Amino acid sequence: RDALASVLSGVSLGVLTPARIGEYGGRMLHLHP
């Protein structure tokens, strides 16, 4: 469930950024610091 949430968050941010760089940040949101 967390993996799916992480991927979808990455899609949401990646769709707005060049070369989908935001995908990295979106997936980080669901990980330990």
PDB file of all heavy atoms in Angstrom:
ATOM      1  N   ARG A   1       0.828  -1.205   0.000  1.00  0.00           N
ATOM      2  CA  ARG A   1       0.000   0.000   0.000  1.00  0.00           C
ATOM      3  C   ARG A   1       0.865   1.259   0.000  1.00  0.00           C
ATOM      4  O   ARG A   1       0.601   2.208  -0.745  1.00  0.00           O
ATOM      5  CB  ARG A   1      -0.915  -0.008   1.224  1.00  0.00           C
ATOM      6  CG  ARG A   1      -1.816   1.204   1.333  1.00  0.00           C
ATOM      7  CD  ARG A   1      -2.713   1.102   2.555  1.00  0.00           C
ATOM      8  NE  ARG A   1      -3.549   2.272   2.701  1.00  0.00           N
ATOM      9  CZ  ARG A   1      -4.439   2.444   3.681  1.00  0.00           C
ATOM     10  NH1 ARG A   1      -4.613   1.481   4.591  1.00  0.00           N
ATOM     11  NH2 ARG A   1      -5.162   3.536   3.739  1.00  0.00           N
ATOM     12  N   ASP A   2       1.921   1.259   0.839  1.00  0.00           N
ATOM     13  CA  ASP A   2       2.812   2.420   0.889  1.00  0.00           C
ATOM     14  C   ASP A   2       3.608   2.559  -0.413  1.00  0.00           C
ATOM     15  O   ASP A   2       3.893   3.679  -0.857  1.00  0.00           O
ATOM     16  CB  ASP A   2       3.776   2.300   2.075  1.00  0.00           C
ATOM     17  CG  ASP A   2       3.084   2.544   3.406  1.00  0.00           C
ATOM     18  OD1 ASP A   2       2.003   3.162   3.403  1.00  0.00           O
ATOM     19  OD2 ASP A   2       3.610   2.102   4.448  1.00  0.00           O
ATOM     20  N   ALA A   3       3.974   1.426  -1.001  1.00  0.00           N
ATOM     21  CA  ALA A   3       4.704   1.469  -2.270  1.00  0.00           C
ATOM     22  C   ALA A   3       3.839   2.085  -3.363  1.00  0.00           C
ATOM     23  O   ALA A   3       4.310   2.902  -4.165  1.00  0.00           O
ATOM     24  CB  ALA A   3       5.146   0.061  -2.660  1.00  0.00           C
ATOM     25  N   LEU A   4       2.563   1.722  -3.397  1.00  0.00           N
ATOM     26  CA  LEU A   4       1.646   2.278  -4.390  1.00  0.00           C
ATOM     27  C   LEU A   4       1.441   3.767  -4.159  1.00  0.00           C
ATOM     28  O   LEU A   4       1.427   4.563  -5.102  1.00  0.00           O
ATOM     29  CB  LEU A   4       0.306   1.541  -4.335  1.00  0.00           C
ATOM     30  CG  LEU A   4      -0.752   1.959  -5.368  1.00  0.00           C
ATOM     31  CD1 LEU A   4      -0.215   1.786  -6.787  1.00  0.00           C
ATOM     32  CD2 LEU A   4      -2.036   1.162  -5.178  1.00  0.00           C
ATOM     33  N   ALA A   5       1.275   4.156  -2.872  1.00  0.00           N
ATOM     34  CA  ALA A   5       1.113   5.576  -2.548  1.00  0.00           C
ATOM     35  C   ALA A   5       2.358   6.358  -2.953  1.00  0.00           C
ATOM     36  O   ALA A   5       2.268   7.479  -3.474  1.00  0.00           O
ATOM     37  CB  ALA A   5       0.850   5.734  -1.050  1.00  0.00           C
ATOM     38  N   SER A   6       3.519   5.765  -2.743  1.00  0.00           N
ATOM     39  CA  SER A   6       4.784   6.410  -3.107  1.00  0.00           C
ATOM     40  C   SER A   6       4.880   6.625  -4.608  1.00  0.00           C
ATOM     41  O   SER A   6       5.263   7.701  -5.080  1.00  0.00           O
ATOM     42  CB  SER A   6       5.948   5.536  -2.617  1.00  0.00           C
ATOM     43  OG  SER A   6       7.192   6.123  -2.932  1.00  0.00           O
ATOM     44  N   VAL A   7       4.501   5.616  -5.379  1.00  0.00           N
ATOM     45  CA  VAL A   7       4.550   5.703  -6.842  1.00  0.00           C
ATOM     46  C   VAL A   7       3.585   6.767  -7.356  1.00  0.00           C
ATOM     47  O   VAL A   7       3.942   7.584  -8.216  1.00  0.00           O
ATOM     48  CB  VAL A   7       4.232   4.331  -7.470  1.00  0.00           C
ATOM     49  CG1 VAL A   7       3.920   4.469  -8.947  1.00  0.00           C
ATOM     50  CG2 VAL A   7       5.402   3.377  -7.264  1.00  0.00           C
ATOM     51  N   LEU A   8       2.356   6.781  -6.836  1.00  0.00           N
ATOM     52  CA  LEU A   8       1.366   7.759  -7.298  1.00  0.00           C
ATOM     53  C   LEU A   8       1.768   9.186  -6.918  1.00  0.00           C
ATOM     54  O   LEU A   8       1.537  10.125  -7.687  1.00  0.00           O
ATOM     55  CB  LEU A   8      -0.013   7.416  -6.724  1.00  0.00           C
ATOM     56  CG  LEU A   8      -0.636   6.118  -7.252  1.00  0.00           C
ATOM     57  CD1 LEU A   8      -1.963   5.838  -6.556  1.00  0.00           C
ATOM     58  CD2 LEU A   8      -0.831   6.181  -8.763  1.00  0.00           C
ATOM     59  N   SER A   9       2.365   9.349  -5.751  1.00  0.00           N
ATOM     60  CA  SER A   9       2.872  10.670  -5.365  1.00  0.00           C
ATOM     61  C   SER A   9       3.960  11.114  -6.336  1.00  0.00           C
ATOM     62  O   SER A   9       4.028  12.288  -6.722  1.00  0.00           O
ATOM     63  CB  SER A   9       3.437  10.619  -3.939  1.00  0.00           C
ATOM     64  OG  SER A   9       2.430  10.305  -2.999  1.00  0.00           O
ATOM     65  N   GLY A  10       4.803  10.164  -6.742  1.00  0.00           N
ATOM     66  CA  GLY A  10       5.838  10.476  -7.719  1.00  0.00           C
ATOM     67  C   GLY A  10       5.268  10.880  -9.058  1.00  0.00           C
ATOM     68  O   GLY A  10       5.780  11.785  -9.722  1.00  0.00           O
ATOM     69  N   VAL A  11       4.184  10.232  -9.471  1.00  0.00           N
ATOM     70  CA  VAL A  11       3.529  10.590 -10.730  1.00  0.00           C
ATOM     71  C   VAL A  11       3.006  12.022 -10.660  1.00  0.00           C
ATOM     72  O   VAL A  11       3.162  12.805 -11.599  1.00  0.00           O
ATOM     73  CB  VAL A  11       2.363   9.624 -11.044  1.00  0.00           C
ATOM     74  CG1 VAL A  11       1.596  10.092 -12.272  1.00  0.00           C
ATOM     75  CG2 VAL A  11       2.885   8.212 -11.269  1.00  0.00           C
ATOM     76  N   SER A  12       2.395  12.379  -9.532  1.00  0.00           N
ATOM     77  CA  SER A  12       1.795  13.698  -9.365  1.00  0.00           C
ATOM     78  C   SER A  12       2.835  14.811  -9.477  1.00  0.00           C
ATOM     79  O   SER A  12       2.594  15.827 -10.138  1.00  0.00           O
ATOM     80  CB  SER A  12       1.088  13.784  -8.004  1.00  0.00           C
ATOM     81  OG  SER A  12       0.365  14.988  -7.902  1.00  0.00           O
ATOM     82  N   LEU A  13       4.003  14.611  -8.856  1.00  0.00           N
ATOM     83  CA  LEU A  13       5.051  15.630  -8.925  1.00  0.00           C
ATOM     84  C   LEU A  13       5.862  15.514 -10.214  1.00  0.00           C
ATOM     85  O   LEU A  13       6.293  16.521 -10.775  1.00  0.00           O
ATOM     86  CB  LEU A  13       5.975  15.516  -7.707  1.00  0.00           C
ATOM     87  CG  LEU A  13       5.337  15.811  -6.352  1.00  0.00           C
ATOM     88  CD1 LEU A  13       6.379  15.718  -5.240  1.00  0.00           C
ATOM     89  CD2 LEU A  13       4.686  17.187  -6.342  1.00  0.00           C
ATOM     90  N   GLY A  14       6.048  14.294 -10.692  1.00  0.00           N
ATOM     91  CA  GLY A  14       6.826  14.098 -11.903  1.00  0.00           C
ATOM     92  C   GLY A  14       6.169  14.679 -13.132  1.00  0.00           C
ATOM     93  O   GLY A  14       6.842  15.109 -14.071  1.00  0.00           O
ATOM     94  N   VAL A  15       4.845  14.711 -13.145  1.00  0.00           N
ATOM     95  CA  VAL A  15       4.121  15.199 -14.313  1.00  0.00           C
ATOM     96  C   VAL A  15       4.304  16.698 -14.512  1.00  0.00           C
ATOM     97  O   VAL A  15       4.034  17.231 -15.580  1.00  0.00           O
ATOM     98  CB  VAL A  15       2.619  14.853 -14.170  1.00  0.00           C
ATOM     99  CG1 VAL A  15       1.896  15.852 -13.294  1.00  0.00           C
ATOM    100  CG2 VAL A  15       1.944  14.746 -15.521  1.00  0.00           C
ATOM    101  N   LEU A  16       4.825  17.379 -13.494  1.00  0.00           N
ATOM    102  CA  LEU A  16       4.997  18.837 -13.557  1.00  0.00           C
ATOM    103  C   LEU A  16       6.441  19.266 -13.773  1.00  0.00           C
ATOM    104  O   LEU A  16       6.697  20.456 -13.935  1.00  0.00           O
ATOM    105  CB  LEU A  16       4.488  19.477 -12.256  1.00  0.00           C
ATOM    106  CG  LEU A  16       2.997  19.346 -11.963  1.00  0.00           C
ATOM    107  CD1 LEU A  16       2.693  19.830 -10.548  1.00  0.00           C
ATOM    108  CD2 LEU A  16       2.175  20.112 -12.979  1.00  0.00           C
ATOM    109  N   THR A  17       7.379  18.342 -13.759  1.00  0.00           N
ATOM    110  CA  THR A  17       8.791  18.715 -13.744  1.00  0.00           C
ATOM    111  C   THR A  17       9.541  18.146 -14.951  1.00  0.00           C
ATOM    112  O   THR A  17       9.203  17.075 -15.451  1.00  0.00           O
ATOM    113  CB  THR A  17       9.460  18.214 -12.456  1.00  0.00           C
ATOM    114  OG1 THR A  17       9.191  16.817 -12.288  1.00  0.00           O
ATOM    115  CG2 THR A  17       8.939  18.964 -11.251  1.00  0.00           C
ATOM    116  N   PRO A  18      10.589  18.854 -15.411  1.00  0.00           N
ATOM    117  CA  PRO A  18      11.389  18.367 -16.546  1.00  0.00           C
ATOM    118  C   PRO A  18      12.018  17.019 -16.242  1.00  0.00           C
ATOM    119  O   PRO A  18      12.511  16.774 -15.129  1.00  0.00           O
ATOM    120  CB  PRO A  18      12.468  19.454 -16.703  1.00  0.00           C
ATOM    121  CG  PRO A  18      11.861  20.675 -16.084  1.00  0.00           C
ATOM    122  CD  PRO A  18      11.010  20.188 -14.956  1.00  0.00           C
ATOM    123  N   ALA A  19      11.992  16.141 -17.243  1.00  0.00           N
ATOM    124  CA  ALA A  19      12.589  14.806 -17.134  1.00  0.00           C
ATOM    125  C   ALA A  19      12.053  14.037 -15.930  1.00  0.00           C
ATOM    126  O   ALA A  19      12.715  13.138 -15.419  1.00  0.00           O
ATOM    127  CB  ALA A  19      14.115  14.904 -17.062  1.00  0.00           C
ATOM    128  N   ARG A  20      10.853  14.409 -15.456  1.00  0.00           N
ATOM    129  CA  ARG A  20      10.189  13.743 -14.332  1.00  0.00           C
ATOM    130  C   ARG A  20      11.039  13.749 -13.063  1.00  0.00           C
ATOM    131  O   ARG A  20      10.980  12.820 -12.259  1.00  0.00           O
ATOM    132  CB  ARG A  20       9.822  12.308 -14.702  1.00  0.00           C
ATOM    133  CG  ARG A  20       8.872  12.206 -15.870  1.00  0.00           C
ATOM    134  CD  ARG A  20       8.346  10.811 -16.076  1.00  0.00           C
ATOM    135  NE  ARG A  20       9.422   9.830 -16.177  1.00  0.00           N
ATOM    136  CZ  ARG A  20       9.225   8.519 -16.259  1.00  0.00           C
ATOM    137  NH1 ARG A  20       8.002   8.035 -16.233  1.00  0.00           N
ATOM    138  NH2 ARG A  20      10.243   7.702 -16.376  1.00  0.00           N
ATOM    139  N   ILE A  21      11.821  14.815 -12.859  1.00  0.00           N
ATOM    140  CA  ILE A  21      12.668  14.908 -11.669  1.00  0.00           C
ATOM    141  C   ILE A  21      11.811  14.883 -10.403  1.00  0.00           C
ATOM    142  O   ILE A  21      12.212  14.339  -9.377  1.00  0.00           O
ATOM    143  CB  ILE A  21      13.521  16.199 -11.733  1.00  0.00           C
ATOM    144  CG1 ILE A  21      14.531  16.106 -12.879  1.00  0.00           C
ATOM    145  CG2 ILE A  21      14.244  16.437 -10.408  1.00  0.00           C
ATOM    146  CD1 ILE A  21      15.332  17.358 -13.105  1.00  0.00           C
ATOM    147  N   GLY A  22      10.622  15.479 -10.477  1.00  0.00           N
ATOM    148  CA  GLY A  22       9.746  15.504  -9.310  1.00  0.00           C
ATOM    149  C   GLY A  22       9.334  14.131  -8.834  1.00  0.00           C
ATOM    150  O   GLY A  22       8.916  13.962  -7.684  1.00  0.00           O
ATOM    151  N   GLU A  23       9.454  13.132  -9.702  1.00  0.00           N
ATOM    152  CA  GLU A  23       9.112  11.763  -9.313  1.00  0.00           C
ATOM    153  C   GLU A  23       9.971  11.296  -8.153  1.00  0.00           C
ATOM    154  O   GLU A  23       9.495  10.593  -7.256  1.00  0.00           O
ATOM    155  CB  GLU A  23       9.293  10.831 -10.513  1.00  0.00           C
ATOM    156  CG  GLU A  23       8.933   9.380 -10.235  1.00  0.00           C
ATOM    157  CD  GLU A  23       9.103   8.502 -11.454  1.00  0.00           C
ATOM    158  OE1 GLU A  23       9.144   9.039 -12.579  1.00  0.00           O
ATOM    159  OE2 GLU A  23       9.200   7.275 -11.275  1.00  0.00           O
ATOM    160  N   TYR A  24      11.241  11.708  -8.152  1.00  0.00           N
ATOM    161  CA  TYR A  24      12.139  11.345  -7.060  1.00  0.00           C
ATOM    162  C   TYR A  24      11.621  11.901  -5.742  1.00  0.00           C
ATOM    163  O   TYR A  24      11.556  11.199  -4.730  1.00  0.00           O
ATOM    164  CB  TYR A  24      13.548  11.885  -7.330  1.00  0.00           C
ATOM    165  CG  TYR A  24      14.270  11.205  -8.471  1.00  0.00           C
ATOM    166  CD1 TYR A  24      14.029  11.556  -9.793  1.00  0.00           C
ATOM    167  CD2 TYR A  24      15.214  10.214  -8.222  1.00  0.00           C
ATOM    168  CE1 TYR A  24      14.695  10.935 -10.842  1.00  0.00           C
ATOM    169  CE2 TYR A  24      15.897   9.589  -9.262  1.00  0.00           C
ATOM    170  CZ  TYR A  24      15.626   9.958 -10.565  1.00  0.00           C
ATOM    171  OH  TYR A  24      16.284   9.330 -11.604  1.00  0.00           O
ATOM    172  N   GLY A  25      11.250  13.202  -5.767  1.00  0.00           N
ATOM    173  CA  GLY A  25      10.757  13.838  -4.548  1.00  0.00           C
ATOM    174  C   GLY A  25       9.454  13.242  -4.068  1.00  0.00           C
ATOM    175  O   GLY A  25       9.242  13.062  -2.871  1.00  0.00           O
ATOM    176  N   GLY A  26       8.552  12.936  -5.009  1.00  0.00           N
ATOM    177  CA  GLY A  26       7.270  12.350  -4.629  1.00  0.00           C
ATOM    178  C   GLY A  26       7.430  11.009  -3.939  1.00  0.00           C
ATOM    179  O   GLY A  26       6.743  10.715  -2.957  1.00  0.00           O
ATOM    180  N   ARG A  27       8.330  10.192  -4.431  1.00  0.00           N
ATOM    181  CA  ARG A  27       8.544   8.885  -3.817  1.00  0.00           C
ATOM    182  C   ARG A  27       9.230   8.997  -2.458  1.00  0.00           C
ATOM    183  O   ARG A  27       9.017   8.174  -1.572  1.00  0.00           O
ATOM    184  CB  ARG A  27       9.363   8.001  -4.757  1.00  0.00           C
ATOM    185  CG  ARG A  27       8.622   7.674  -6.056  1.00  0.00           C
ATOM    186  CD  ARG A  27       9.313   6.597  -6.868  1.00  0.00           C
ATOM    187  NE  ARG A  27       8.558   6.281  -8.077  1.00  0.00           N
ATOM    188  CZ  ARG A  27       8.745   5.204  -8.810  1.00  0.00           C
ATOM    189  NH1 ARG A  27       9.691   4.320  -8.473  1.00  0.00           N
ATOM    190  NH2 ARG A  27       8.018   4.979  -9.890  1.00  0.00           N
ATOM    191  N   MET A  28      10.048  10.026  -2.293  1.00  0.00           N
ATOM    192  CA  MET A  28      10.740  10.227  -1.012  1.00  0.00           C
ATOM    193  C   MET A  28       9.771  10.526   0.132  1.00  0.00           C
ATOM    194  O   MET A  28      10.079  10.266   1.294  1.00  0.00           O
ATOM    195  CB  MET A  28      11.725  11.385  -1.127  1.00  0.00           C
ATOM    196  CG  MET A  28      12.968  11.094  -1.921  1.00  0.00           C
ATOM    197  SD  MET A  28      14.035  12.556  -1.961  1.00  0.00           S
ATOM    198  CE  MET A  28      15.320  12.008  -3.077  1.00  0.00           C
ATOM    199  N   LEU A  29       8.609  11.092  -0.192  1.00  0.00           N
ATOM    200  CA  LEU A  29       7.674  11.514   0.848  1.00  0.00           C
ATOM    201  C   LEU A  29       7.254  10.369   1.757  1.00  0.00           C
ATOM    202  O   LEU A  29       6.876  10.593   2.902  1.00  0.00           O
ATOM    203  CB  LEU A  29       6.424  12.139   0.202  1.00  0.00           C
ATOM    204  CG  LEU A  29       6.632  13.440  -0.570  1.00  0.00           C
ATOM    205  CD1 LEU A  29       5.328  13.860  -1.231  1.00  0.00           C
ATOM    206  CD2 LEU A  29       7.146  14.534   0.343  1.00  0.00           C
ATOM    207  N   HIS A  30       7.309   9.147   1.263  1.00  0.00           N
ATOM    208  CA  HIS A  30       6.808   7.993   2.014  1.00  0.00           C
ATOM    209  C   HIS A  30       7.936   7.165   2.629  1.00  0.00           C
ATOM    210  O   HIS A  30       7.713   6.053   3.093  1.00  0.00           O
ATOM    211  CB  HIS A  30       5.959   7.112   1.099  1.00  0.00           C
ATOM    212  CG  HIS A  30       4.785   7.839   0.516  1.00  0.00           C
ATOM    213  ND1 HIS A  30       3.535   7.832   1.095  1.00  0.00           N
ATOM    214  CD2 HIS A  30       4.684   8.628  -0.586  1.00  0.00           C
ATOM    215  CE1 HIS A  30       2.715   8.569   0.367  1.00  0.00           C
ATOM    216  NE2 HIS A  30       3.386   9.065  -0.655  1.00  0.00           N
ATOM    217  N   LEU A  31       9.157   7.737   2.634  1.00  0.00           N
ATOM    218  CA  LEU A  31      10.307   7.014   3.177  1.00  0.00           C
ATOM    219  C   LEU A  31      10.815   7.678   4.437  1.00  0.00           C
ATOM    220  O   LEU A  31      10.589   8.864   4.682  1.00  0.00           O
ATOM    221  CB  LEU A  31      11.424   6.964   2.132  1.00  0.00           C
ATOM    222  CG  LEU A  31      11.112   6.225   0.824  1.00  0.00           C
ATOM    223  CD1 LEU A  31      12.264   6.405  -0.158  1.00  0.00           C
ATOM    224  CD2 LEU A  31      10.857   4.745   1.085  1.00  0.00           C
ATOM    225  N   HIS A  32      11.518   6.895   5.240  1.00  0.00           N
ATOM    226  CA  HIS A  32      12.164   7.431   6.441  1.00  0.00           C
ATOM    227  C   HIS A  32      13.201   8.465   6.029  1.00  0.00           C
ATOM    228  O   HIS A  32      13.861   8.303   4.987  1.00  0.00           O
ATOM    229  CB  HIS A  32      12.826   6.286   7.215  1.00  0.00           C
ATOM    230  CG  HIS A  32      13.340   6.685   8.555  1.00  0.00           C
ATOM    231  ND1 HIS A  32      14.572   7.285   8.727  1.00  0.00           N
ATOM    232  CD2 HIS A  32      12.786   6.568   9.787  1.00  0.00           C
ATOM    233  CE1 HIS A  32      14.750   7.522  10.016  1.00  0.00           C
ATOM    234  NE2 HIS A  32      13.691   7.104  10.688  1.00  0.00           N
ATOM    235  N   PRO A  33      13.371   9.552   6.801  1.00  0.00           N
ATOM    236  CA  PRO A  33      14.334  10.597   6.433  1.00  0.00           C
ATOM    237  C   PRO A  33      15.732  10.069   6.127  1.00  0.00           C
ATOM    238  O   PRO A  33      16.424  10.603   5.252  1.00  0.00           O
ATOM    239  CB  PRO A  33      14.339  11.512   7.670  1.00  0.00           C
ATOM    240  CG  PRO A  33      12.976  11.347   8.247  1.00  0.00           C
ATOM    241  CD  PRO A  33      12.603   9.918   8.010  1.00  0.00           C
TER     242      PRO A  33
END
